[in-house]
Amino acid sequence: MTQYQLYDRVSTIDNYVATIKYIGHLPQWGSQVVAFGLEWDDANRGKNNGVLDGVQYFTPIVENSVSFVKSTNKNINHDRKSFIRVIREQYLDAIGYEAKGIKFGGKVVEELGWQQLNEYQSQLRNLTSLSLDHCFIYCMARGTEVDDVENVFAGLANLTNLDLSCNLFNNMDDIWQIVARLPNLKVLNINGNRFPLDVDNHEQKDHFIHYNLQVLKMASTLIPISKINTIVSQFPNLLELIISGNQYTNNDVNCLDVGDYRLATLDLSYNNLQCVPIKLPLYITTLNLSHCRINSIEKRVATNDITSLDIRYNQLKTWLDIDNLSESFTQLTNLRINHNPILNDLSIDDMTCQLIGRFECNNSDVHGENNHPNKLAVLNGSKLTPSEIMNGELYFISKVQLGQYEMHNRTRWEDLLKKYGKLDKELQVLPSLSQPKRWINLQLMVRQVKKQHMGNSELKTTMDTATQSINTPTDYTSLSTHKFLKTTSILKFKGLISRLFLSNLSILDFQIYYYINQDTNFAIKYEFDNWSSCLNDFALDEYQYIYIDVHQQ
């Protein structure tokens, strides 16, 4: 009836791959037409769930990934190959064709025998990396090709990297027959192959242990987690495991069990995770959770050693999630977190400052000494500089104290305040920590300014909108250092300055303001323009510089 069987893999002439899940007749096409029910690897090509006119012919693993086509469909590429055949086509046959042009005198050499074999194996031994992706391979050998297996793998003895991605394998045993004959293999890529025979509990024929494999890529294979556990046990020295795009949920990943093997890198991207996995392999240091559906992060005791985390393109929407992340992953040196909703509307500079403030960075000494090299050093692909960290942290502190940024990580906040000597500001964010100081010392600086030179500065910017970075002034004269009650209103504050230092000058004839993050790239000017507010409403440090512009007529 057809050359194919259930679960065979087929490719179209434009390289789209599918698994045959149904072979038979459809009433719509008549008894003379053989129909294939195809589950596409690319679900976007599917049209239904295996149902036609109310009849369920089969159920796909991925929803709406099914199409029914006629077995005579001209778009199906019927060229299916073995691993041995592809090797011969790319290496052995090419040598043979060249050799047939060799002449001794007037006689063309037609058979080379051992000479050809030696040349063939010599060329294969030069291979350390072999890319055979999209080559329509579905098995190791078939028919008479079995006789070439020993010679082919003798030539591939030095192979360390094998790419078999996006082929037509449907049984894991066919992969292992190849891998078991490559003892020096370190990297294996079988991404984009599907193994429905294994999913249907067909037992693996040969169990073997491979001691040299270090990297195993099994993305978009839909292999169940229980099968992943069995596979990993065959490679005791595995360091990197890629199982992205396999429709895994958190329940699936929580069942991942790689024993005591020292797996260091785990890629779970493009899965259906809704939270950060609770149970992770013991020795993981690099974790990829990008392009999942993670929408919240619960705070938990930091027990992992993860230093590199990729959590881009998820659904994090609150700063509480970000702060919980910083408390749960305390060893991070490399973080990628952009393209989450909470960050999407921020400028790059604002996003960077928010994240620098929330995650402890490796420039932990204000004098530039790197005392904590195991802290965040690379953010969203860019290496952080000491000045960027310092300016970002100062800017973050000022924004939190003004109430413009939220902060939920108490430990990180206390460390920031202590680092920059701003312990008296805790109260504005964490009111339960200490009692406020009643008095504050302010350093008053004065200059004379011609009124016509004031320009638009008379249009005072409110505290909520004054966010433009400005160069701090340098042409002021020190007037006095004086202690003021923090509850002093701005109206009374100006009156005191006028009475004590400006000979009762009208409060309308001078302007007072200050700078946050003075002498940094993030210096921001704030004016005391709301006379009914009090000093405690502003982010003033002890011995803050207060600038007074006296208007000359």
Foldseek 3Di string as FASTA:
>chain_A
DDPDDAQFKWAFPVQWIWGFHDWADDPVVDRVWIKTKTQTLPQVVFQAQCDDPRDRRDGDPDGRRIDMDTPPPNRIDPDADAQLVVLCVVFLVVLQVVQQVDDDVPHGDNDDPPVSLVVRLCVLLVEQEDACASVQHAAHDDDPSVVCVVSNLSSNQNHAYYEHASHGYAACLRVVVVVVSHQNHAEYHHEHYEHVVVVVVDDRDDQAARARHAYYAHESHLDQLVVVLSVLQSYLAHAEYEHEHNQDELVRQLPRDNDLRQHAYYEHDNYAYQEDRDDDHANYAAYEHDNYAHAAYDADQQDHNHAAYEHAQYAHADVVRVLSVQRNHQQHQYYEYPHYNNPPPDDPLLVLLSNLLRWPYQQLAPVRDRPDNRGHQYYNRRGDDNQSSVLSNLVVVQCVLLVNDADDNVVSVCSSCVNVVNVLSVCSHPVVPDDHDFKAKEWEWEDEDAPVVCPCVVVPDAPVPQQDADADDDPTDTQDIDMDTQQAFQLVVLQCCCVPGVVNPPSVQKWKWFWRPHPGRRTTIHTSPDRRHGNSSHPAGHHGYMYMYGYDD
